[in-house]
Structure formats: C-alpha cells, structure tokens
Amino acid sequence: QEISTDLFNDDLYPTRYFEVQRNLVSNDVEVS
C-alpha cells in the first residue's frame, strides 16, 4: 500500500546521511 505524507526532512537535519542511504532503496522496503 501507498500513502501521502509531508513528514520528511526539510532542512531540519543534514542531508548527506539520507543521500548515502538512498542508494540502497528498492521496491522491497524490508530488504532495503
């Protein structure tokens, strides 16, 4: 299932950590 949300980083935290981990995102959330 999908959902719409506005709960995400908006200059609250540095972005580098999220950018590095984004390389491991896939269709399977658990495996990612």
PDB file of all heavy atoms in Angstrom:
ATOM      1  N   GLN A   1       0.835  -1.203   0.000  1.00  0.00           N
ATOM      2  CA  GLN A   1       0.000   0.000   0.000  1.00  0.00           C
ATOM      3  C   GLN A   1       0.871   1.255   0.000  1.00  0.00           C
ATOM      4  O   GLN A   1       2.023   1.237   0.414  1.00  0.00           O
ATOM      5  CB  GLN A   1      -0.914   0.000   1.224  1.00  0.00           C
ATOM      6  CG  GLN A   1      -1.907  -1.145   1.260  1.00  0.00           C
ATOM      7  CD  GLN A   1      -2.824  -1.063   2.460  1.00  0.00           C
ATOM      8  OE1 GLN A   1      -3.148   0.030   2.937  1.00  0.00           O
ATOM      9  NE2 GLN A   1      -3.251  -2.211   2.967  1.00  0.00           N
ATOM     10  N   GLU A   2       0.290   2.345  -0.477  1.00  0.00           N
ATOM     11  CA  GLU A   2       0.987   3.639  -0.511  1.00  0.00           C
ATOM     12  C   GLU A   2       0.219   4.657   0.307  1.00  0.00           C
ATOM     13  O   GLU A   2      -0.962   4.489   0.616  1.00  0.00           O
ATOM     14  CB  GLU A   2       1.143   4.126  -1.944  1.00  0.00           C
ATOM     15  CG  GLU A   2       2.105   3.316  -2.782  1.00  0.00           C
ATOM     16  CD  GLU A   2       2.320   3.915  -4.152  1.00  0.00           C
ATOM     17  OE1 GLU A   2       1.351   4.497  -4.705  1.00  0.00           O
ATOM     18  OE2 GLU A   2       3.433   3.810  -4.682  1.00  0.00           O
ATOM     19  N   ILE A   3       0.901   5.742   0.638  1.00  0.00           N
ATOM     20  CA  ILE A   3       0.292   6.807   1.424  1.00  0.00           C
ATOM     21  C   ILE A   3       0.947   8.135   1.064  1.00  0.00           C
ATOM     22  O   ILE A   3       2.095   8.180   0.610  1.00  0.00           O
ATOM     23  CB  ILE A   3       0.444   6.523   2.945  1.00  0.00           C
ATOM     24  CG1 ILE A   3      -0.459   7.437   3.764  1.00  0.00           C
ATOM     25  CG2 ILE A   3       1.903   6.695   3.370  1.00  0.00           C
ATOM     26  CD1 ILE A   3      -0.468   7.091   5.252  1.00  0.00           C
ATOM     27  N   SER A   4       0.217   9.204   1.266  1.00  0.00           N
ATOM     28  CA  SER A   4       0.747  10.552   1.064  1.00  0.00           C
ATOM     29  C   SER A   4       1.130  11.140   2.416  1.00  0.00           C
ATOM     30  O   SER A   4       0.348  11.083   3.370  1.00  0.00           O
ATOM     31  CB  SER A   4      -0.310  11.432   0.393  1.00  0.00           C
ATOM     32  OG  SER A   4       0.142  12.772   0.294  1.00  0.00           O
ATOM     33  N   THR A   5       2.328  11.680   2.510  1.00  0.00           N
ATOM     34  CA  THR A   5       2.795  12.235   3.783  1.00  0.00           C
ATOM     35  C   THR A   5       3.663  13.466   3.556  1.00  0.00           C
ATOM     36  O   THR A   5       4.326  13.595   2.515  1.00  0.00           O
ATOM     37  CB  THR A   5       3.607  11.181   4.567  1.00  0.00           C
ATOM     38  OG1 THR A   5       4.055  11.756   5.807  1.00  0.00           O
ATOM     39  CG2 THR A   5       4.819  10.722   3.795  1.00  0.00           C
ATOM     40  N   ASP A   6       3.648  14.370   4.509  1.00  0.00           N
ATOM     41  CA  ASP A   6       4.532  15.548   4.471  1.00  0.00           C
ATOM     42  C   ASP A   6       5.571  15.476   5.583  1.00  0.00           C
ATOM     43  O   ASP A   6       6.223  16.470   5.905  1.00  0.00           O
ATOM     44  CB  ASP A   6       3.724  16.841   4.586  1.00  0.00           C
ATOM     45  CG  ASP A   6       2.880  16.898   5.851  1.00  0.00           C
ATOM     46  OD1 ASP A   6       2.929  15.938   6.651  1.00  0.00           O
ATOM     47  OD2 ASP A   6       2.149  17.890   6.039  1.00  0.00           O
ATOM     48  N   LEU A   7       5.722  14.278   6.160  1.00  0.00           N
ATOM     49  CA  LEU A   7       6.692  14.099   7.241  1.00  0.00           C
ATOM     50  C   LEU A   7       8.025  13.629   6.655  1.00  0.00           C
ATOM     51  O   LEU A   7       8.290  12.440   6.536  1.00  0.00           O
ATOM     52  CB  LEU A   7       6.170  13.065   8.249  1.00  0.00           C
ATOM     53  CG  LEU A   7       7.021  12.854   9.504  1.00  0.00           C
ATOM     54  CD1 LEU A   7       7.048  14.105  10.366  1.00  0.00           C
ATOM     55  CD2 LEU A   7       6.503  11.661  10.315  1.00  0.00           C
ATOM     56  N   PHE A   8       8.853  14.589   6.243  1.00  0.00           N
ATOM     57  CA  PHE A   8      10.180  14.254   5.730  1.00  0.00           C
ATOM     58  C   PHE A   8      11.116  15.426   5.997  1.00  0.00           C
ATOM     59  O   PHE A   8      10.687  16.514   6.363  1.00  0.00           O
ATOM     60  CB  PHE A   8      10.144  13.912   4.239  1.00  0.00           C
ATOM     61  CG  PHE A   8       9.576  15.003   3.363  1.00  0.00           C
ATOM     62  CD1 PHE A   8      10.396  15.978   2.810  1.00  0.00           C
ATOM     63  CD2 PHE A   8       8.212  15.048   3.081  1.00  0.00           C
ATOM     64  CE1 PHE A   8       9.876  16.974   1.998  1.00  0.00           C
ATOM     65  CE2 PHE A   8       7.683  16.049   2.273  1.00  0.00           C
ATOM     66  CZ  PHE A   8       8.511  17.011   1.735  1.00  0.00           C
ATOM     67  N   ASN A   9      12.418  15.183   5.819  1.00  0.00           N
ATOM     68  CA  ASN A   9      13.435  16.178   6.164  1.00  0.00           C
ATOM     69  C   ASN A   9      13.323  17.422   5.293  1.00  0.00           C
ATOM     70  O   ASN A   9      13.386  17.349   4.075  1.00  0.00           O
ATOM     71  CB  ASN A   9      14.833  15.560   6.013  1.00  0.00           C
ATOM     72  CG  ASN A   9      15.919  16.507   6.497  1.00  0.00           C
ATOM     73  OD1 ASN A   9      15.783  17.132   7.538  1.00  0.00           O
ATOM     74  ND2 ASN A   9      16.997  16.601   5.740  1.00  0.00           N
ATOM     75  N   ASP A  10      13.163  18.541   5.943  1.00  0.00           N
ATOM     76  CA  ASP A  10      13.107  19.822   5.236  1.00  0.00           C
ATOM     77  C   ASP A  10      14.078  20.775   5.924  1.00  0.00           C
ATOM     78  O   ASP A  10      13.691  21.686   6.640  1.00  0.00           O
ATOM     79  CB  ASP A  10      11.677  20.365   5.255  1.00  0.00           C
ATOM     80  CG  ASP A  10      11.523  21.624   4.412  1.00  0.00           C
ATOM     81  OD1 ASP A  10      12.419  21.887   3.577  1.00  0.00           O
ATOM     82  OD2 ASP A  10      10.535  22.345   4.602  1.00  0.00           O
ATOM     83  N   ASP A  11      15.373  20.509   5.706  1.00  0.00           N
ATOM     84  CA  ASP A  11      16.463  21.297   6.286  1.00  0.00           C
ATOM     85  C   ASP A  11      16.532  21.198   7.812  1.00  0.00           C
ATOM     86  O   ASP A  11      17.200  22.008   8.460  1.00  0.00           O
ATOM     87  CB  ASP A  11      16.351  22.781   5.886  1.00  0.00           C
ATOM     88  CG  ASP A  11      16.522  22.976   4.396  1.00  0.00           C
ATOM     89  OD1 ASP A  11      17.270  22.196   3.779  1.00  0.00           O
ATOM     90  OD2 ASP A  11      15.873  23.889   3.838  1.00  0.00           O
ATOM     91  N   LEU A  12      15.841  20.198   8.390  1.00  0.00           N
ATOM     92  CA  LEU A  12      15.935  20.007   9.833  1.00  0.00           C
ATOM     93  C   LEU A  12      17.217  19.271  10.198  1.00  0.00           C
ATOM     94  O   LEU A  12      17.847  19.566  11.216  1.00  0.00           O
ATOM     95  CB  LEU A  12      14.715  19.221  10.336  1.00  0.00           C
ATOM     96  CG  LEU A  12      14.617  18.995  11.849  1.00  0.00           C
ATOM     97  CD1 LEU A  12      14.510  20.325  12.584  1.00  0.00           C
ATOM     98  CD2 LEU A  12      13.404  18.113  12.182  1.00  0.00           C
ATOM     99  N   TYR A  13      17.630  18.325   9.377  1.00  0.00           N
ATOM    100  CA  TYR A  13      18.851  17.545   9.573  1.00  0.00           C
ATOM    101  C   TYR A  13      19.741  17.682   8.344  1.00  0.00           C
ATOM    102  O   TYR A  13      19.250  17.989   7.248  1.00  0.00           O
ATOM    103  CB  TYR A  13      18.520  16.059   9.788  1.00  0.00           C
ATOM    104  CG  TYR A  13      17.828  15.738  11.084  1.00  0.00           C
ATOM    105  CD1 TYR A  13      16.436  15.697  11.159  1.00  0.00           C
ATOM    106  CD2 TYR A  13      18.566  15.485  12.237  1.00  0.00           C
ATOM    107  CE1 TYR A  13      15.799  15.395  12.358  1.00  0.00           C
ATOM    108  CE2 TYR A  13      17.932  15.178  13.440  1.00  0.00           C
ATOM    109  CZ  TYR A  13      16.551  15.145  13.486  1.00  0.00           C
ATOM    110  OH  TYR A  13      15.921  14.861  14.669  1.00  0.00           O
ATOM    111  N   PRO A  14      21.035  17.444   8.476  1.00  0.00           N
ATOM    112  CA  PRO A  14      21.909  17.408   7.299  1.00  0.00           C
ATOM    113  C   PRO A  14      21.422  16.339   6.310  1.00  0.00           C
ATOM    114  O   PRO A  14      20.878  15.299   6.712  1.00  0.00           O
ATOM    115  CB  PRO A  14      23.284  17.037   7.884  1.00  0.00           C
ATOM    116  CG  PRO A  14      23.207  17.434   9.319  1.00  0.00           C
ATOM    117  CD  PRO A  14      21.791  17.237   9.735  1.00  0.00           C
ATOM    118  N   THR A  15      21.616  16.571   5.038  1.00  0.00           N
ATOM    119  CA  THR A  15      21.057  15.673   4.021  1.00  0.00           C
ATOM    120  C   THR A  15      21.992  14.535   3.635  1.00  0.00           C
ATOM    121  O   THR A  15      21.561  13.571   3.006  1.00  0.00           O
ATOM    122  CB  THR A  15      20.720  16.470   2.745  1.00  0.00           C
ATOM    123  OG1 THR A  15      21.931  17.077   2.240  1.00  0.00           O
ATOM    124  CG2 THR A  15      19.695  17.550   3.039  1.00  0.00           C
ATOM    125  N   ARG A  16      23.275  14.602   3.979  1.00  0.00           N
ATOM    126  CA  ARG A  16      24.245  13.616   3.492  1.00  0.00           C
ATOM    127  C   ARG A  16      23.898  12.203   3.928  1.00  0.00           C
ATOM    128  O   ARG A  16      23.982  11.270   3.128  1.00  0.00           O
ATOM    129  CB  ARG A  16      25.648  13.991   3.986  1.00  0.00           C
ATOM    130  CG  ARG A  16      26.751  13.064   3.496  1.00  0.00           C
ATOM    131  CD  ARG A  16      26.893  13.096   1.989  1.00  0.00           C
ATOM    132  NE  ARG A  16      27.231  14.431   1.511  1.00  0.00           N
ATOM    133  CZ  ARG A  16      27.240  14.791   0.233  1.00  0.00           C
ATOM    134  NH1 ARG A  16      26.893  13.903  -0.698  1.00  0.00           N
ATOM    135  NH2 ARG A  16      27.557  16.013  -0.111  1.00  0.00           N
ATOM    136  N   TYR A  17      23.490  12.033   5.169  1.00  0.00           N
ATOM    137  CA  TYR A  17      23.142  10.691   5.658  1.00  0.00           C
ATOM    138  C   TYR A  17      22.015  10.097   4.823  1.00  0.00           C
ATOM    139  O   TYR A  17      22.088   8.936   4.401  1.00  0.00           O
ATOM    140  CB  TYR A  17      22.736  10.765   7.119  1.00  0.00           C
ATOM    141  CG  TYR A  17      22.254   9.445   7.689  1.00  0.00           C
ATOM    142  CD1 TYR A  17      23.155   8.453   8.056  1.00  0.00           C
ATOM    143  CD2 TYR A  17      20.890   9.189   7.844  1.00  0.00           C
ATOM    144  CE1 TYR A  17      22.720   7.236   8.568  1.00  0.00           C
ATOM    145  CE2 TYR A  17      20.444   7.979   8.357  1.00  0.00           C
ATOM    146  CZ  TYR A  17      21.363   7.015   8.711  1.00  0.00           C
ATOM    147  OH  TYR A  17      20.923   5.808   9.206  1.00  0.00           O
ATOM    148  N   PHE A  18      20.987  10.881   4.572  1.00  0.00           N
ATOM    149  CA  PHE A  18      19.851  10.387   3.789  1.00  0.00           C
ATOM    150  C   PHE A  18      20.257  10.076   2.349  1.00  0.00           C
ATOM    151  O   PHE A  18      19.782   9.100   1.757  1.00  0.00           O
ATOM    152  CB  PHE A  18      18.722  11.421   3.804  1.00  0.00           C
ATOM    153  CG  PHE A  18      18.265  11.812   5.184  1.00  0.00           C
ATOM    154  CD1 PHE A  18      18.360  13.129   5.613  1.00  0.00           C
ATOM    155  CD2 PHE A  18      17.753  10.869   6.059  1.00  0.00           C
ATOM    156  CE1 PHE A  18      17.948  13.491   6.883  1.00  0.00           C
ATOM    157  CE2 PHE A  18      17.328  11.222   7.329  1.00  0.00           C
ATOM    158  CZ  PHE A  18      17.431  12.535   7.749  1.00  0.00           C
ATOM    159  N   GLU A  19      21.130  10.892   1.798  1.00  0.00           N
ATOM    160  CA  GLU A  19      21.564  10.675   0.412  1.00  0.00           C
ATOM    161  C   GLU A  19      22.365   9.385   0.255  1.00  0.00           C
ATOM    162  O   GLU A  19      22.220   8.670  -0.739  1.00  0.00           O
ATOM    163  CB  GLU A  19      22.393  11.879  -0.065  1.00  0.00           C
ATOM    164  CG  GLU A  19      21.566  13.152  -0.224  1.00  0.00           C
ATOM    165  CD  GLU A  19      22.436  14.381  -0.422  1.00  0.00           C
ATOM    166  OE1 GLU A  19      23.692  14.243  -0.336  1.00  0.00           O
ATOM    167  OE2 GLU A  19      21.881  15.475  -0.634  1.00  0.00           O
ATOM    168  N   VAL A  20      23.225   9.091   1.233  1.00  0.00           N
ATOM    169  CA  VAL A  20      24.006   7.853   1.176  1.00  0.00           C
ATOM    170  C   VAL A  20      23.084   6.640   1.270  1.00  0.00           C
ATOM    171  O   VAL A  20      23.188   5.699   0.470  1.00  0.00           O
ATOM    172  CB  VAL A  20      25.055   7.827   2.316  1.00  0.00           C
ATOM    173  CG1 VAL A  20      25.712   6.442   2.400  1.00  0.00           C
ATOM    174  CG2 VAL A  20      26.119   8.890   2.083  1.00  0.00           C
ATOM    175  N   GLN A  21      22.155   6.659   2.211  1.00  0.00           N
ATOM    176  CA  GLN A  21      21.255   5.524   2.389  1.00  0.00           C
ATOM    177  C   GLN A  21      20.283   5.367   1.229  1.00  0.00           C
ATOM    178  O   GLN A  21      19.814   4.257   0.945  1.00  0.00           O
ATOM    179  CB  GLN A  21      20.466   5.678   3.705  1.00  0.00           C
ATOM    180  CG  GLN A  21      21.317   5.719   4.963  1.00  0.00           C
ATOM    181  CD  GLN A  21      21.896   4.359   5.326  1.00  0.00           C
ATOM    182  OE1 GLN A  21      21.966   3.451   4.502  1.00  0.00           O
ATOM    183  NE2 GLN A  21      22.339   4.209   6.567  1.00  0.00           N
ATOM    184  N   ARG A  22      20.006   6.456   0.509  1.00  0.00           N
ATOM    185  CA  ARG A  22      19.058   6.393  -0.611  1.00  0.00           C
ATOM    186  C   ARG A  22      19.550   5.473  -1.727  1.00  0.00           C
ATOM    187  O   ARG A  22      18.756   4.946  -2.501  1.00  0.00           O
ATOM    188  CB  ARG A  22      18.791   7.798  -1.153  1.00  0.00           C
ATOM    189  CG  ARG A  22      17.575   7.888  -2.084  1.00  0.00           C
ATOM    190  CD  ARG A  22      17.221   9.338  -2.374  1.00  0.00           C
ATOM    191  NE  ARG A  22      16.932  10.037  -1.139  1.00  0.00           N
ATOM    192  CZ  ARG A  22      17.467  11.204  -0.800  1.00  0.00           C
ATOM    193  NH1 ARG A  22      18.328  11.798  -1.612  1.00  0.00           N
ATOM    194  NH2 ARG A  22      17.161  11.769   0.340  1.00  0.00           N
ATOM    195  N   ASN A  23      20.846   5.249  -1.797  1.00  0.00           N
ATOM    196  CA  ASN A  23      21.389   4.351  -2.821  1.00  0.00           C
ATOM    197  C   ASN A  23      20.956   2.898  -2.608  1.00  0.00           C
ATOM    198  O   ASN A  23      21.098   2.071  -3.512  1.00  0.00           O
ATOM    199  CB  ASN A  23      22.922   4.423  -2.821  1.00  0.00           C
ATOM    200  CG  ASN A  23      23.429   5.783  -3.250  1.00  0.00           C
ATOM    201  OD1 ASN A  23      22.997   6.331  -4.266  1.00  0.00           O
ATOM    202  ND2 ASN A  23      24.327   6.356  -2.480  1.00  0.00           N
ATOM    203  N   LEU A  24      20.453   2.579  -1.407  1.00  0.00           N
ATOM    204  CA  LEU A  24      20.041   1.206  -1.100  1.00  0.00           C
ATOM    205  C   LEU A  24      18.534   1.013  -1.175  1.00  0.00           C
ATOM    206  O   LEU A  24      18.021  -0.064  -0.875  1.00  0.00           O
ATOM    207  CB  LEU A  24      20.526   0.822   0.308  1.00  0.00           C
ATOM    208  CG  LEU A  24      22.045   0.869   0.521  1.00  0.00           C
ATOM    209  CD1 LEU A  24      22.393   0.574   1.972  1.00  0.00           C
ATOM    210  CD2 LEU A  24      22.749  -0.113  -0.404  1.00  0.00           C
ATOM    211  N   VAL A  25      17.806   2.048  -1.583  1.00  0.00           N
ATOM    212  CA  VAL A  25      16.349   1.959  -1.689  1.00  0.00           C
ATOM    213  C   VAL A  25      15.959   1.058  -2.855  1.00  0.00           C
ATOM    214  O   VAL A  25      16.556   1.117  -3.942  1.00  0.00           O
ATOM    215  CB  VAL A  25      15.736   3.359  -1.873  1.00  0.00           C
ATOM    216  CG1 VAL A  25      14.262   3.271  -2.237  1.00  0.00           C
ATOM    217  CG2 VAL A  25      15.919   4.186  -0.607  1.00  0.00           C
ATOM    218  N   SER A  26      14.964   0.207  -2.634  1.00  0.00           N
ATOM    219  CA  SER A  26      14.437  -0.677  -3.681  1.00  0.00           C
ATOM    220  C   SER A  26      12.931  -0.811  -3.494  1.00  0.00           C
ATOM    221  O   SER A  26      12.339  -0.179  -2.615  1.00  0.00           O
ATOM    222  CB  SER A  26      15.112  -2.049  -3.621  1.00  0.00           C
ATOM    223  OG  SER A  26      14.736  -2.737  -2.445  1.00  0.00           O
ATOM    224  N   ASN A  27      12.294  -1.667  -4.311  1.00  0.00           N
ATOM    225  CA  ASN A  27      10.851  -1.880  -4.197  1.00  0.00           C
ATOM    226  C   ASN A  27      10.488  -2.631  -2.921  1.00  0.00           C
ATOM    227  O   ASN A  27       9.363  -2.540  -2.444  1.00  0.00           O
ATOM    228  CB  ASN A  27      10.338  -2.657  -5.415  1.00  0.00           C
ATOM    229  CG  ASN A  27      10.383  -1.818  -6.682  1.00  0.00           C
ATOM    230  OD1 ASN A  27      10.042  -0.645  -6.660  1.00  0.00           O
ATOM    231  ND2 ASN A  27      10.814  -2.404  -7.780  1.00  0.00           N
ATOM    232  N   ASP A  28      11.428  -3.396  -2.372  1.00  0.00           N
ATOM    233  CA  ASP A  28      11.189  -4.156  -1.154  1.00  0.00           C
ATOM    234  C   ASP A  28      11.704  -3.354   0.038  1.00  0.00           C
ATOM    235  O   ASP A  28      12.915  -3.248   0.261  1.00  0.00           O
ATOM    236  CB  ASP A  28      11.896  -5.512  -1.231  1.00  0.00           C
ATOM    237  CG  ASP A  28      11.447  -6.471  -0.136  1.00  0.00           C
ATOM    238  OD1 ASP A  28      11.251  -5.994   1.001  1.00  0.00           O
ATOM    239  OD2 ASP A  28      11.325  -7.670  -0.394  1.00  0.00           O
ATOM    240  N   VAL A  29      10.767  -2.787   0.804  1.00  0.00           N
ATOM    241  CA  VAL A  29      11.148  -1.911   1.915  1.00  0.00           C
ATOM    242  C   VAL A  29      11.931  -2.672   2.974  1.00  0.00           C
ATOM    243  O   VAL A  29      12.945  -2.181   3.493  1.00  0.00           O
ATOM    244  CB  VAL A  29       9.897  -1.251   2.541  1.00  0.00           C
ATOM    245  CG1 VAL A  29      10.290  -0.421   3.768  1.00  0.00           C
ATOM    246  CG2 VAL A  29       9.191  -0.384   1.525  1.00  0.00           C
ATOM    247  N   GLU A  30      11.509  -3.879   3.318  1.00  0.00           N
ATOM    248  CA  GLU A  30      12.181  -4.652   4.357  1.00  0.00           C
ATOM    249  C   GLU A  30      13.631  -4.956   3.995  1.00  0.00           C
ATOM    250  O   GLU A  30      14.544  -4.772   4.803  1.00  0.00           O
ATOM    251  CB  GLU A  30      11.423  -5.960   4.611  1.00  0.00           C
ATOM    252  CG  GLU A  30      10.237  -5.805   5.539  1.00  0.00           C
ATOM    253  CD  GLU A  30       9.798  -7.133   6.109  1.00  0.00           C
ATOM    254  OE1 GLU A  30       9.820  -8.136   5.380  1.00  0.00           O
ATOM    255  OE2 GLU A  30       9.427  -7.164   7.293  1.00  0.00           O
ATOM    256  N   VAL A  31      13.846  -5.422   2.766  1.00  0.00           N
ATOM    257  CA  VAL A  31      15.211  -5.736   2.322  1.00  0.00           C
ATOM    258  C   VAL A  31      16.067  -4.473   2.300  1.00  0.00           C
ATOM    259  O   VAL A  31      17.234  -4.487   2.699  1.00  0.00           O
ATOM    260  CB  VAL A  31      15.198  -6.416   0.943  1.00  0.00           C
ATOM    261  CG1 VAL A  31      16.611  -6.566   0.393  1.00  0.00           C
ATOM    262  CG2 VAL A  31      14.520  -7.781   1.020  1.00  0.00           C
ATOM    263  N   SER A  32      15.486  -3.371   1.845  1.00  0.00           N
ATOM    264  CA  SER A  32      16.228  -2.103   1.785  1.00  0.00           C
ATOM    265  C   SER A  32      16.655  -1.652   3.177  1.00  0.00           C
ATOM    266  O   SER A  32      17.805  -1.247   3.386  1.00  0.00           O
ATOM    267  CB  SER A  32      15.361  -1.015   1.134  1.00  0.00           C
ATOM    268  OG  SER A  32      14.994  -1.371  -0.177  1.00  0.00           O
TER     269      SER A  32
END
